[in-house]
Amino acid sequence: MMSEPAGIELTATQAELRADRTPFVPPWAPVFGHAPAKVGVYLGAVRVIGQLAFEIVDALLVATGNAPGAIVGDPGPYGVVHFLTEPGAGTGLRWPPGVKRLDGRAGDFVKVPAWSGNTAPVSWLARPARDSVFVDAQVLHRVACAVTRYGVLRTDEQA
C-alpha cells in the first residue's frame, strides 16, 4: 500500500478508494454447496440467533462502511447468523446475552457456503474481501453491545 506524504490525511472517500475490496475466495470456503468448517482452525465465529442477529448485521454494515468481513446466514427455524472472525479473536471479551463467541473447544463447526452456485440452506450475508476477510471481533463486540445496550444503564436505573 502507498504511504502518504507527511502531514497529508486522506478523507474517508479517498481512503475507501484505496481500500482493496476485491472479492476474495478464502481457502476454507468449499468449491460447491456448503461445508462445515471447524472453529478455531481456519476461522473463529460469533453466533447470534433471531432478529437480534439481523439488527447487529445492519449496524455492523453501517459501522464498517459496508465492508464488515465474512458473515454467513442460515435461515433454518431460528435464523442463525455467524460472524466469521480470525481464530481466537474476541477472547476475553464479555459478550452480551444472545451473542455467543464460539471457541472450538466444544467441537464447534460453522456451515460455510461456496462462493457461488446453490449453497442452500446457508448463504453469504457479507462476503470476504481482500481487505476485510474476517469480521473484526473488537468492532463486532462494540456494535453488539450498542445494539443490545449491554452494559448501559437506563435513565431510571441511574441513581
Protein backbone atom coordinates (compact mmCIF):
# COMPACT_ATOMS: atom_id res chain seq x y z
CA MET A 1 0.00 0.00 0.00
CA MET A 2 1.24 3.50 -0.80
CA SER A 3 2.28 5.69 2.07
CA GLU A 4 1.12 9.29 2.17
CA PRO A 5 3.48 12.27 2.38
CA ALA A 6 3.96 13.58 5.90
CA GLY A 7 1.15 15.88 7.02
CA ILE A 8 -1.34 14.66 4.39
CA GLU A 9 -4.51 12.95 5.61
CA LEU A 10 -6.89 11.10 3.36
CA THR A 11 -10.58 11.83 3.52
CA ALA A 12 -12.82 8.80 4.13
CA THR A 13 -13.78 8.71 0.46
CA GLN A 14 -10.15 8.75 -0.69
CA ALA A 15 -9.27 6.04 1.82
CA GLU A 16 -12.17 3.90 0.61
CA LEU A 17 -10.99 4.25 -2.98
CA ARG A 18 -7.58 2.94 -1.94
CA ALA A 19 -9.05 0.02 0.04
CA ASP A 20 -8.85 -3.32 -1.72
CA ARG A 21 -12.41 -4.61 -1.68
CA THR A 22 -11.64 -7.15 -4.38
CA PRO A 23 -13.68 -10.30 -3.77
CA PHE A 24 -11.51 -12.90 -2.12
CA VAL A 25 -12.32 -16.60 -2.01
CA PRO A 26 -10.77 -17.86 1.23
CA PRO A 27 -9.11 -21.29 1.24
CA TRP A 28 -11.63 -22.56 3.82
CA ALA A 29 -14.62 -21.91 1.51
CA PRO A 30 -15.86 -25.04 -0.31
CA VAL A 31 -15.92 -25.28 -4.10
CA PHE A 32 -19.66 -26.00 -4.24
CA GLY A 33 -22.64 -26.25 -1.90
CA HIS A 34 -21.65 -25.72 1.70
CA ALA A 35 -19.35 -27.49 4.13
CA PRO A 36 -18.63 -27.43 7.85
CA ALA A 37 -15.52 -25.54 8.96
CA LYS A 38 -14.07 -26.30 12.39
CA VAL A 39 -13.98 -23.21 14.55
CA GLY A 40 -10.50 -22.47 15.89
CA VAL A 41 -8.61 -23.91 12.93
CA TYR A 42 -9.18 -21.62 9.93
CA LEU A 43 -11.63 -19.22 11.47
CA GLY A 44 -13.37 -18.08 14.62
CA ALA A 45 -17.06 -17.34 14.88
CA VAL A 46 -19.61 -15.40 16.84
CA ARG A 47 -23.16 -16.81 16.70
CA VAL A 48 -26.33 -14.77 17.07
CA ILE A 49 -29.85 -16.13 16.62
CA GLY A 50 -33.08 -14.45 15.53
CA GLN A 51 -33.98 -10.82 14.98
CA LEU A 52 -31.06 -9.63 17.12
CA ALA A 53 -28.67 -11.16 14.56
CA PHE A 54 -30.07 -9.07 11.73
CA GLU A 55 -30.07 -5.90 13.83
CA ILE A 56 -26.38 -6.47 14.52
CA VAL A 57 -25.69 -7.17 10.82
CA ASP A 58 -27.35 -3.87 9.84
CA ALA A 59 -25.44 -1.89 12.48
CA LEU A 60 -22.15 -3.58 11.55
CA LEU A 61 -22.63 -2.71 7.87
CA VAL A 62 -23.04 0.95 8.86
CA ALA A 63 -20.08 0.87 11.27
CA THR A 64 -17.75 -0.63 8.66
CA GLY A 65 -18.87 1.27 5.57
CA ASN A 66 -20.38 -1.90 4.08
CA ALA A 67 -17.11 -3.84 4.43
CA PRO A 68 -17.68 -5.93 7.57
CA GLY A 69 -15.88 -9.13 6.59
CA ALA A 70 -17.41 -12.59 6.25
CA ILE A 71 -20.94 -13.08 7.58
CA VAL A 72 -22.90 -16.28 6.96
CA GLY A 73 -26.65 -16.69 7.40
CA ASP A 74 -28.61 -19.92 7.89
CA PRO A 75 -32.35 -19.17 7.85
CA GLY A 76 -33.30 -22.52 9.44
CA PRO A 77 -36.06 -22.47 12.02
CA TYR A 78 -34.34 -19.82 14.18
CA GLY A 79 -32.38 -17.61 11.78
CA VAL A 80 -28.76 -18.17 12.77
CA VAL A 81 -26.02 -15.75 11.75
CA HIS A 82 -22.31 -16.46 12.12
CA PHE A 83 -19.86 -13.57 12.06
CA LEU A 84 -16.59 -15.16 10.95
CA THR A 85 -13.55 -13.83 12.78
CA GLU A 86 -9.89 -14.72 12.94
CA PRO A 87 -9.27 -17.79 15.11
CA GLY A 88 -9.11 -16.76 18.77
CA ALA A 89 -10.38 -13.23 18.14
CA GLY A 90 -12.70 -11.89 20.82
CA THR A 91 -11.18 -13.99 23.59
CA GLY A 92 -11.59 -12.29 26.95
CA LEU A 93 -14.46 -10.04 25.86
CA ARG A 94 -17.77 -10.20 27.75
CA TRP A 95 -20.33 -10.71 25.01
CA PRO A 96 -23.90 -9.52 25.52
CA PRO A 97 -26.71 -12.00 26.17
CA GLY A 98 -27.78 -13.63 22.92
CA VAL A 99 -24.31 -13.24 21.38
CA LYS A 100 -22.05 -16.27 21.70
CA ARG A 101 -18.40 -16.48 20.75
CA LEU A 102 -17.57 -19.99 19.59
CA ASP A 103 -14.12 -21.10 20.67
CA GLY A 104 -13.88 -24.54 19.08
CA ARG A 105 -13.33 -26.34 22.38
CA ALA A 106 -16.75 -27.94 22.19
CA GLY A 107 -16.14 -29.18 18.65
CA ASP A 108 -17.92 -26.15 17.17
CA PHE A 109 -18.44 -26.13 13.42
CA VAL A 110 -19.88 -23.43 11.17
CA LYS A 111 -21.54 -24.10 7.82
CA VAL A 112 -19.62 -22.14 5.19
CA PRO A 113 -21.20 -21.62 1.75
CA ALA A 114 -19.36 -21.91 -1.54
CA TRP A 115 -18.56 -18.68 -3.34
CA SER A 116 -21.33 -19.20 -5.89
CA GLY A 117 -23.99 -21.64 -7.01
CA ASN A 118 -26.60 -23.35 -4.87
CA THR A 119 -25.43 -23.13 -1.26
CA ALA A 120 -28.80 -23.78 0.41
CA PRO A 121 -29.59 -23.55 3.20
CA VAL A 122 -26.69 -21.21 4.06
CA SER A 123 -25.65 -18.07 2.22
CA TRP A 124 -23.25 -15.16 2.43
CA LEU A 125 -24.80 -12.10 4.08
CA ALA A 126 -21.46 -10.34 3.53
CA ARG A 127 -18.65 -11.86 1.51
CA PRO A 128 -15.00 -11.66 2.44
CA ALA A 129 -12.90 -9.11 0.55
CA ARG A 130 -9.14 -8.83 0.33
CA ASP A 131 -9.06 -6.00 2.89
CA SER A 132 -11.76 -7.48 5.14
CA VAL A 133 -11.67 -11.26 5.05
CA PHE A 134 -12.85 -11.60 8.64
CA VAL A 135 -15.15 -9.55 10.84
CA ASP A 136 -13.11 -7.51 13.32
CA ALA A 137 -14.11 -9.00 16.69
CA GLN A 138 -13.50 -5.74 18.58
CA VAL A 139 -15.78 -3.78 16.23
CA LEU A 140 -18.39 -6.55 16.35
CA HIS A 141 -18.27 -6.51 20.15
CA ARG A 142 -18.81 -2.73 20.28
CA VAL A 143 -21.68 -2.94 17.78
CA ALA A 144 -23.32 -5.88 19.59
CA CYS A 145 -23.07 -4.05 22.92
CA ALA A 146 -24.57 -0.91 21.38
CA VAL A 147 -27.44 -2.78 19.73
CA THR A 148 -28.28 -4.73 22.91
CA ARG A 149 -27.46 -1.79 25.20
CA TYR A 150 -25.29 -4.25 27.14
CA GLY A 151 -23.52 -2.51 29.97
CA VAL A 152 -25.59 0.68 29.56
CA LEU A 153 -27.81 1.76 32.43
CA ARG A 154 -31.25 3.05 31.55
CA THR A 155 -32.05 6.53 32.84
CA ASP A 156 -34.41 5.17 35.51
CA GLU A 157 -31.67 2.81 36.77
CA GLN A 158 -29.13 5.55 37.39
CA ALA A 159 -29.12 6.62 40.98
